[in-house]
Every structure is written in C-alpha cells, then in structure tokens.
C-alpha cells in the first residue's frame, strides 16, 4: 500500500476545489487520487492509462508556526510532501519575535511553495475528438 493512501477521503478546500473532489479508489495503483466533479467512469486498465493525465496545482503561503491553525496547515504540507502527494519547490524559514503568554519569545515563520499532484480525466481524445466508452471498450481515436 502506498503511503499516499493515508490521505484517503481527503478533499482539501482550496482555490482548486471548483475542479472537483478527490477519489481515492485507484490511489494504490496510480500513486495519486483522481480529481473529478463526478464519480470517475469504470474503465479497463488500458482505457484508464489513455484517459487520465497527471495535473499539478501550484500553491504558496506563509505560516507562523506559533499559531496552532497555521502550524497545522504547514505540517499538512510537509506530510503531503513526505508521502508523495505534493512536492515542495521552495521553502524559507526565519525567526520572529512574538509575544506568547505575555512574554517575547522566538517563533518560526515559514514561506513555502508546493504543488499537489492528482489525476484528471482528460475527456477528449486525439485531435480534439471526444472519447466515448461503452462496456469496457474504447471507441474512436484510441482503438488502434
């Protein structure tokens, strides 16, 4: 079982949420969830390989690790990267003086850029022709 499967059922609410939710049924096979607005179609293995592409969604943010909610988001990013769902492109950390419980202490701020990976049904075949499926058989430009 791939370690990405620990996120089974996750559907992060972010700027890409309008592109669908994550489906985890093939995460063990593909190493990534499928993102879709509807349940992914049932396809043969060959149809699946020709019909899905890997997409990468860019994200960035600054997190103040002394603020529990921001630290949780930052740790989620690290966890996703450690388990193969995301890749960190850039990270910069710096100390900041912060007041915690009436005392000035050192806190850590972090700026991070990352991409989250998933599969999406491309829905269109070669030369812009629509790909159709029926009873496990590919029709149109993919049945060579």
N, C-alpha and C. Protein backbone atom coordinates (compact mmCIF):
# COMPACT_ATOMS: atom_id res chain seq x y z
N UNK A 1 0.85 -1.17 0.00
CA UNK A 1 0.00 0.00 0.00
C UNK A 1 0.90 1.24 0.00
N UNK A 2 0.61 2.19 -0.86
CA UNK A 2 1.42 3.40 -0.90
C UNK A 2 1.11 4.29 0.28
N UNK A 3 2.09 5.07 0.70
CA UNK A 3 1.89 5.92 1.86
C UNK A 3 0.90 7.05 1.58
N UNK A 4 0.67 7.38 0.31
CA UNK A 4 -0.30 8.44 -0.01
C UNK A 4 -1.70 8.03 0.41
N UNK A 5 -1.93 6.74 0.55
CA UNK A 5 -3.27 6.25 0.88
C UNK A 5 -3.71 6.70 2.28
N UNK A 6 -2.76 7.17 3.09
CA UNK A 6 -3.14 7.68 4.42
C UNK A 6 -4.07 8.88 4.32
N UNK A 7 -4.10 9.54 3.15
CA UNK A 7 -4.96 10.70 2.95
C UNK A 7 -6.32 10.32 2.39
N UNK A 8 -6.60 9.02 2.30
CA UNK A 8 -7.86 8.54 1.75
C UNK A 8 -9.04 9.32 2.34
N UNK A 9 -9.87 9.85 1.46
CA UNK A 9 -11.03 10.62 1.88
C UNK A 9 -10.77 12.11 1.99
N UNK A 10 -9.51 12.53 1.89
CA UNK A 10 -9.18 13.95 1.99
C UNK A 10 -9.69 14.71 0.77
N UNK A 11 -10.22 15.88 1.03
CA UNK A 11 -10.65 16.79 -0.02
C UNK A 11 -10.32 18.21 0.42
N UNK A 12 -9.06 18.63 0.24
CA UNK A 12 -8.67 19.96 0.69
C UNK A 12 -9.53 21.06 0.07
N UNK A 13 -9.90 22.01 0.88
CA UNK A 13 -10.68 23.16 0.42
C UNK A 13 -9.70 24.26 0.04
N UNK A 14 -9.45 24.40 -1.24
CA UNK A 14 -8.51 25.41 -1.70
C UNK A 14 -9.00 26.01 -3.02
N UNK A 15 -8.17 26.80 -3.65
CA UNK A 15 -8.60 27.50 -4.87
C UNK A 15 -8.88 26.56 -6.04
N UNK A 16 -8.54 25.28 -5.91
CA UNK A 16 -8.81 24.32 -6.98
C UNK A 16 -10.03 23.46 -6.69
N UNK A 17 -10.73 23.72 -5.58
CA UNK A 17 -11.88 22.91 -5.18
C UNK A 17 -12.97 22.89 -6.24
N UNK A 18 -13.07 23.95 -7.03
CA UNK A 18 -14.11 24.01 -8.07
C UNK A 18 -13.85 23.00 -9.19
N UNK A 19 -12.70 22.36 -9.21
CA UNK A 19 -12.40 21.37 -10.25
C UNK A 19 -12.82 19.97 -9.85
N UNK A 20 -13.44 19.82 -8.67
CA UNK A 20 -13.94 18.52 -8.26
C UNK A 20 -13.37 18.07 -6.93
N UNK A 21 -13.81 16.87 -6.54
CA UNK A 21 -13.31 16.29 -5.30
C UNK A 21 -12.35 15.16 -5.64
N UNK A 22 -11.65 14.69 -4.64
CA UNK A 22 -10.68 13.61 -4.85
C UNK A 22 -11.33 12.26 -4.62
N UNK A 23 -11.04 11.33 -5.51
CA UNK A 23 -11.49 9.95 -5.39
C UNK A 23 -10.24 9.09 -5.21
N UNK A 24 -10.26 8.23 -4.21
CA UNK A 24 -9.06 7.52 -3.78
C UNK A 24 -9.05 6.04 -4.16
N UNK A 25 -10.02 5.58 -4.93
CA UNK A 25 -10.12 4.15 -5.25
C UNK A 25 -8.90 3.57 -5.95
N UNK A 26 -8.21 4.35 -6.77
CA UNK A 26 -7.04 3.85 -7.50
C UNK A 26 -5.72 4.43 -6.97
N UNK A 27 -5.76 5.08 -5.84
CA UNK A 27 -4.54 5.71 -5.32
C UNK A 27 -3.42 4.70 -5.10
N UNK A 28 -3.77 3.49 -4.69
CA UNK A 28 -2.75 2.47 -4.50
C UNK A 28 -2.11 2.07 -5.83
N UNK A 29 -2.89 2.07 -6.90
CA UNK A 29 -2.41 1.67 -8.22
C UNK A 29 -1.64 2.80 -8.90
N UNK A 30 -2.25 3.99 -8.92
CA UNK A 30 -1.69 5.13 -9.65
C UNK A 30 -0.72 5.96 -8.83
N UNK A 31 -0.78 5.83 -7.52
CA UNK A 31 0.06 6.65 -6.66
C UNK A 31 -0.51 8.03 -6.41
N UNK A 32 -1.68 8.32 -7.00
CA UNK A 32 -2.33 9.62 -6.84
C UNK A 32 -3.84 9.44 -6.86
N UNK A 33 -4.57 10.35 -6.20
CA UNK A 33 -6.02 10.30 -6.32
C UNK A 33 -6.48 10.87 -7.65
N UNK A 34 -7.71 10.58 -8.01
CA UNK A 34 -8.34 11.15 -9.20
C UNK A 34 -9.20 12.31 -8.74
N UNK A 35 -9.09 13.46 -9.41
CA UNK A 35 -9.95 14.60 -9.09
C UNK A 35 -11.00 14.71 -10.19
N UNK A 36 -12.28 14.78 -9.77
CA UNK A 36 -13.37 14.81 -10.73
C UNK A 36 -14.59 15.45 -10.09
N UNK A 37 -15.45 16.05 -10.91
CA UNK A 37 -16.71 16.61 -10.42
C UNK A 37 -17.76 15.52 -10.24
N UNK A 38 -17.55 14.38 -10.89
CA UNK A 38 -18.46 13.24 -10.76
C UNK A 38 -17.62 12.00 -10.50
N UNK A 39 -18.27 10.93 -10.10
CA UNK A 39 -17.54 9.68 -9.89
C UNK A 39 -16.81 9.29 -11.17
N UNK A 40 -15.55 8.90 -11.06
CA UNK A 40 -14.81 8.51 -12.26
C UNK A 40 -15.47 7.31 -12.95
N UNK A 41 -15.43 7.29 -14.29
CA UNK A 41 -16.03 6.16 -15.00
C UNK A 41 -15.27 4.87 -14.76
N UNK A 42 -15.98 3.74 -14.84
CA UNK A 42 -15.32 2.44 -14.74
C UNK A 42 -14.69 2.13 -16.09
N UNK A 43 -13.39 1.95 -16.09
CA UNK A 43 -12.65 1.72 -17.32
C UNK A 43 -11.76 0.50 -17.18
N UNK A 44 -11.39 -0.07 -18.31
CA UNK A 44 -10.37 -1.11 -18.28
C UNK A 44 -9.05 -0.43 -17.94
N UNK A 45 -8.06 -1.21 -17.59
CA UNK A 45 -6.74 -0.67 -17.27
C UNK A 45 -6.17 0.11 -18.45
N UNK A 46 -6.32 -0.42 -19.64
CA UNK A 46 -5.81 0.24 -20.85
C UNK A 46 -6.52 1.57 -21.09
N UNK A 47 -7.85 1.56 -20.95
CA UNK A 47 -8.62 2.80 -21.12
C UNK A 47 -8.20 3.84 -20.09
N UNK A 48 -8.00 3.37 -18.87
CA UNK A 48 -7.59 4.29 -17.81
C UNK A 48 -6.25 4.95 -18.15
N UNK A 49 -5.30 4.17 -18.59
CA UNK A 49 -3.98 4.72 -18.93
C UNK A 49 -4.05 5.78 -20.03
N UNK A 50 -4.97 5.60 -20.97
CA UNK A 50 -5.09 6.56 -22.07
C UNK A 50 -5.97 7.75 -21.73
N UNK A 51 -6.77 7.66 -20.69
CA UNK A 51 -7.79 8.66 -20.43
C UNK A 51 -7.46 9.65 -19.32
N UNK A 52 -6.47 9.36 -18.52
CA UNK A 52 -6.14 10.23 -17.39
C UNK A 52 -4.75 10.84 -17.57
N UNK A 53 -4.64 12.06 -17.12
CA UNK A 53 -3.35 12.75 -17.12
C UNK A 53 -3.05 13.22 -15.70
N UNK A 54 -1.78 13.39 -15.41
CA UNK A 54 -1.37 13.94 -14.12
C UNK A 54 -1.38 15.45 -14.22
N UNK A 55 -2.02 16.09 -13.25
CA UNK A 55 -2.02 17.55 -13.19
C UNK A 55 -1.37 17.97 -11.88
N UNK A 56 -0.81 19.18 -11.89
CA UNK A 56 -0.10 19.71 -10.73
C UNK A 56 -0.66 21.09 -10.42
N UNK A 57 -1.13 21.29 -9.20
CA UNK A 57 -1.70 22.57 -8.78
C UNK A 57 -0.70 23.29 -7.89
N UNK A 58 -0.32 24.50 -8.28
CA UNK A 58 0.65 25.29 -7.52
C UNK A 58 -0.02 25.99 -6.34
N UNK A 59 0.67 26.03 -5.23
CA UNK A 59 0.20 26.69 -4.01
C UNK A 59 1.37 27.44 -3.38
N UNK A 60 1.06 28.44 -2.57
CA UNK A 60 2.08 29.08 -1.75
C UNK A 60 1.42 29.66 -0.51
N UNK A 61 2.23 29.92 0.48
CA UNK A 61 1.69 30.52 1.69
C UNK A 61 2.77 30.79 2.71
N UNK A 62 2.46 31.69 3.62
CA UNK A 62 3.33 31.98 4.75
C UNK A 62 2.62 31.49 6.00
N UNK A 63 3.34 30.77 6.83
CA UNK A 63 2.78 30.16 8.02
C UNK A 63 3.60 30.56 9.24
N UNK A 64 2.89 30.94 10.29
CA UNK A 64 3.51 31.30 11.57
C UNK A 64 3.30 30.10 12.49
N UNK A 65 4.38 29.38 12.77
CA UNK A 65 4.26 28.09 13.45
C UNK A 65 3.81 28.20 14.90
N UNK A 66 3.83 29.38 15.49
CA UNK A 66 3.35 29.56 16.86
C UNK A 66 1.83 29.72 16.91
N UNK A 67 1.20 29.85 15.75
CA UNK A 67 -0.26 29.91 15.67
C UNK A 67 -0.75 28.51 15.31
N UNK A 68 -1.43 27.82 16.23
CA UNK A 68 -1.77 26.41 16.01
C UNK A 68 -2.44 26.10 14.67
N UNK A 69 -3.40 26.91 14.23
CA UNK A 69 -4.09 26.63 12.97
C UNK A 69 -3.13 26.74 11.77
N UNK A 70 -2.26 27.74 11.78
CA UNK A 70 -1.29 27.89 10.69
C UNK A 70 -0.24 26.79 10.74
N UNK A 71 0.19 26.42 11.95
CA UNK A 71 1.16 25.34 12.07
C UNK A 71 0.58 24.03 11.55
N UNK A 72 -0.70 23.78 11.82
CA UNK A 72 -1.35 22.55 11.33
C UNK A 72 -1.36 22.52 9.80
N UNK A 73 -1.64 23.66 9.16
CA UNK A 73 -1.61 23.72 7.69
C UNK A 73 -0.20 23.46 7.17
N UNK A 74 0.78 24.07 7.81
CA UNK A 74 2.17 23.87 7.40
C UNK A 74 2.58 22.40 7.55
N UNK A 75 2.23 21.80 8.68
CA UNK A 75 2.57 20.39 8.89
C UNK A 75 1.85 19.49 7.88
N UNK A 76 0.65 19.85 7.48
CA UNK A 76 -0.07 19.08 6.45
C UNK A 76 0.70 19.10 5.14
N UNK A 77 1.23 20.28 4.78
CA UNK A 77 2.02 20.40 3.55
C UNK A 77 3.24 19.48 3.62
N UNK A 78 3.94 19.52 4.75
CA UNK A 78 5.12 18.65 4.92
C UNK A 78 4.73 17.18 4.84
N UNK A 79 3.61 16.82 5.46
CA UNK A 79 3.13 15.44 5.46
C UNK A 79 2.78 15.00 4.04
N UNK A 80 2.09 15.85 3.28
CA UNK A 80 1.76 15.52 1.89
C UNK A 80 3.04 15.29 1.08
N UNK A 81 4.03 16.15 1.27
CA UNK A 81 5.28 16.01 0.52
C UNK A 81 6.03 14.74 0.93
N UNK A 82 6.06 14.46 2.22
CA UNK A 82 6.77 13.27 2.70
C UNK A 82 6.13 11.98 2.19
N UNK A 83 4.84 12.05 1.85
CA UNK A 83 4.12 10.85 1.41
C UNK A 83 3.77 10.83 -0.07
N UNK A 84 4.32 11.77 -0.85
CA UNK A 84 4.22 11.71 -2.30
C UNK A 84 3.04 12.39 -2.94
N UNK A 85 2.18 13.07 -2.17
CA UNK A 85 1.03 13.73 -2.78
C UNK A 85 1.41 15.12 -3.28
N UNK A 86 2.40 15.73 -2.67
CA UNK A 86 2.84 17.07 -3.06
C UNK A 86 4.36 17.09 -3.19
N UNK A 87 4.84 18.13 -3.85
CA UNK A 87 6.28 18.37 -3.94
C UNK A 87 6.53 19.81 -3.52
N UNK A 88 7.47 19.99 -2.59
CA UNK A 88 7.84 21.34 -2.16
C UNK A 88 8.87 21.88 -3.14
N UNK A 89 8.60 23.06 -3.69
CA UNK A 89 9.51 23.70 -4.63
C UNK A 89 10.44 24.68 -3.95
N UNK A 90 9.93 25.36 -2.93
CA UNK A 90 10.74 26.37 -2.25
C UNK A 90 10.25 26.48 -0.82
N UNK A 91 11.20 26.63 0.08
CA UNK A 91 10.83 26.85 1.48
C UNK A 91 11.86 27.79 2.09
N UNK A 92 11.38 28.75 2.83
CA UNK A 92 12.24 29.72 3.51
C UNK A 92 11.71 29.90 4.93
N UNK A 93 12.59 29.75 5.91
CA UNK A 93 12.21 29.89 7.31
C UNK A 93 12.99 31.04 7.93
N UNK A 94 12.34 31.78 8.86
CA UNK A 94 13.03 32.85 9.56
C UNK A 94 12.43 33.01 10.95
N UNK A 95 13.26 33.39 11.91
CA UNK A 95 12.74 33.60 13.26
C UNK A 95 12.07 34.97 13.38
N UNK A 96 11.07 35.03 14.23
CA UNK A 96 10.40 36.29 14.53
C UNK A 96 10.20 36.39 16.03
N UNK A 97 10.33 37.60 16.56
CA UNK A 97 10.00 37.83 17.96
C UNK A 97 8.48 37.94 18.07
N UNK A 98 7.90 37.10 18.92
CA UNK A 98 6.46 37.10 19.09
C UNK A 98 6.12 37.10 20.58
N UNK A 99 4.98 37.66 20.89
CA UNK A 99 4.54 37.66 22.28
C UNK A 99 3.62 36.47 22.49
N UNK A 100 4.03 35.60 23.39
CA UNK A 100 3.25 34.41 23.73
C UNK A 100 3.11 34.39 25.24
N UNK A 101 1.88 34.40 25.71
CA UNK A 101 1.59 34.40 27.14
C UNK A 101 2.28 35.55 27.86
N UNK A 102 2.29 36.73 27.23
CA UNK A 102 2.86 37.91 27.84
C UNK A 102 4.37 38.01 27.81
N UNK A 103 5.03 37.05 27.18
CA UNK A 103 6.49 37.07 27.09
C UNK A 103 6.91 37.08 25.63
N UNK A 104 7.97 37.81 25.34
CA UNK A 104 8.53 37.82 23.98
C UNK A 104 9.39 36.57 23.82
N UNK A 105 9.07 35.81 22.79
CA UNK A 105 9.79 34.57 22.50
C UNK A 105 10.12 34.52 21.02
N UNK A 106 10.99 33.60 20.66
CA UNK A 106 11.29 33.38 19.25
C UNK A 106 10.27 32.43 18.65
N UNK A 107 9.68 32.85 17.54
CA UNK A 107 8.77 32.00 16.80
C UNK A 107 9.35 31.79 15.41
N UNK A 108 8.89 30.76 14.72
CA UNK A 108 9.40 30.46 13.39
C UNK A 108 8.31 30.74 12.36
N UNK A 109 8.65 31.56 11.38
CA UNK A 109 7.75 31.81 10.25
C UNK A 109 8.30 31.05 9.06
N UNK A 110 7.40 30.60 8.18
CA UNK A 110 7.80 29.79 7.04
C UNK A 110 7.03 30.24 5.81
N UNK A 111 7.76 30.46 4.70
CA UNK A 111 7.13 30.67 3.40
C UNK A 111 7.41 29.41 2.59
N UNK A 112 6.38 28.85 2.01
CA UNK A 112 6.55 27.61 1.24
C UNK A 112 5.76 27.67 -0.06
N UNK A 113 6.37 27.13 -1.11
CA UNK A 113 5.72 26.94 -2.41
C UNK A 113 5.71 25.45 -2.68
N UNK A 114 4.54 24.92 -3.08
CA UNK A 114 4.45 23.49 -3.34
C UNK A 114 3.43 23.23 -4.43
N UNK A 115 3.49 22.04 -5.00
CA UNK A 115 2.48 21.60 -5.96
C UNK A 115 1.86 20.31 -5.44
N UNK A 116 0.55 20.22 -5.59
CA UNK A 116 -0.18 19.00 -5.24
C UNK A 116 -0.50 18.28 -6.54
N UNK A 117 -0.26 16.98 -6.57
CA UNK A 117 -0.43 16.17 -7.77
C UNK A 117 -1.72 15.35 -7.70
N UNK A 118 -2.36 15.19 -8.84
CA UNK A 118 -3.52 14.30 -8.92
C UNK A 118 -3.71 13.90 -10.37
N UNK A 119 -4.62 12.99 -10.58
CA UNK A 119 -5.00 12.55 -11.92
C UNK A 119 -6.33 13.20 -12.27
N UNK A 120 -6.50 13.54 -13.53
CA UNK A 120 -7.79 14.05 -14.03
C UNK A 120 -8.10 13.37 -15.34
N UNK A 121 -9.38 13.12 -15.52
CA UNK A 121 -9.88 12.56 -16.77
C UNK A 121 -9.75 13.63 -17.85
N UNK A 122 -9.03 13.32 -18.91
CA UNK A 122 -8.83 14.37 -19.93
C UNK A 122 -10.06 14.53 -20.80
N UNK A 123 -10.89 13.51 -20.92
CA UNK A 123 -12.19 13.64 -21.55
C UNK A 123 -12.21 13.92 -23.03
N UNK A 124 -11.08 14.13 -23.64
CA UNK A 124 -11.04 14.38 -25.08
C UNK A 124 -9.94 13.52 -25.67
N UNK A 125 -10.19 13.04 -26.83
CA UNK A 125 -9.24 12.17 -27.49
C UNK A 125 -8.27 12.92 -28.38
N UNK A 126 -7.62 12.19 -29.24
CA UNK A 126 -6.65 12.74 -30.18
C UNK A 126 -7.33 13.71 -31.14
N UNK A 127 -6.71 14.79 -31.49
CA UNK A 127 -7.22 15.79 -32.43
C UNK A 127 -8.55 16.39 -31.98
N UNK A 128 -8.77 16.46 -30.65
CA UNK A 128 -9.96 17.10 -30.13
C UNK A 128 -11.23 16.27 -30.25
N UNK A 129 -11.13 15.02 -30.71
CA UNK A 129 -12.31 14.17 -30.82
C UNK A 129 -12.70 13.68 -29.43
N UNK A 130 -13.98 13.63 -29.17
CA UNK A 130 -14.46 13.16 -27.87
C UNK A 130 -14.27 11.66 -27.78
N UNK A 131 -13.76 11.25 -26.63
CA UNK A 131 -13.59 9.83 -26.38
C UNK A 131 -14.86 9.29 -25.75
N UNK A 132 -15.34 8.17 -26.26
CA UNK A 132 -16.54 7.55 -25.71
C UNK A 132 -16.20 6.15 -25.25
N UNK A 133 -16.89 5.70 -24.23
CA UNK A 133 -16.67 4.36 -23.72
C UNK A 133 -18.00 3.63 -23.64
N UNK A 134 -17.94 2.33 -23.83
CA UNK A 134 -19.14 1.51 -23.69
C UNK A 134 -18.75 0.09 -23.38
N UNK A 135 -19.22 -0.43 -22.29
CA UNK A 135 -18.98 -1.82 -21.90
C UNK A 135 -17.50 -2.19 -21.93
N UNK A 136 -16.65 -1.28 -21.44
CA UNK A 136 -15.24 -1.57 -21.33
C UNK A 136 -14.46 -1.49 -22.63
N UNK A 137 -15.08 -1.02 -23.71
CA UNK A 137 -14.39 -0.92 -25.00
C UNK A 137 -14.18 0.53 -25.38
N UNK A 138 -12.96 0.85 -25.80
CA UNK A 138 -12.70 2.22 -26.27
C UNK A 138 -13.23 2.35 -27.68
N UNK A 139 -13.78 3.53 -27.99
CA UNK A 139 -14.29 3.80 -29.33
C UNK A 139 -13.60 5.06 -29.84
N UNK A 140 -13.51 5.22 -31.10
CA UNK A 140 -12.94 6.44 -31.66
C UNK A 140 -11.44 6.35 -31.83
N UNK A 141 -10.73 7.44 -31.55
CA UNK A 141 -9.32 7.53 -31.91
C UNK A 141 -8.40 6.63 -31.10
N UNK A 142 -8.87 5.96 -30.05
CA UNK A 142 -7.96 5.19 -29.20
C UNK A 142 -7.96 3.70 -29.45
N UNK A 143 -8.73 3.20 -30.38
CA UNK A 143 -8.79 1.76 -30.56
C UNK A 143 -7.90 1.29 -31.68
N UNK A 144 -6.64 1.66 -31.61
CA UNK A 144 -5.68 1.20 -32.62
C UNK A 144 -5.03 -0.09 -32.20
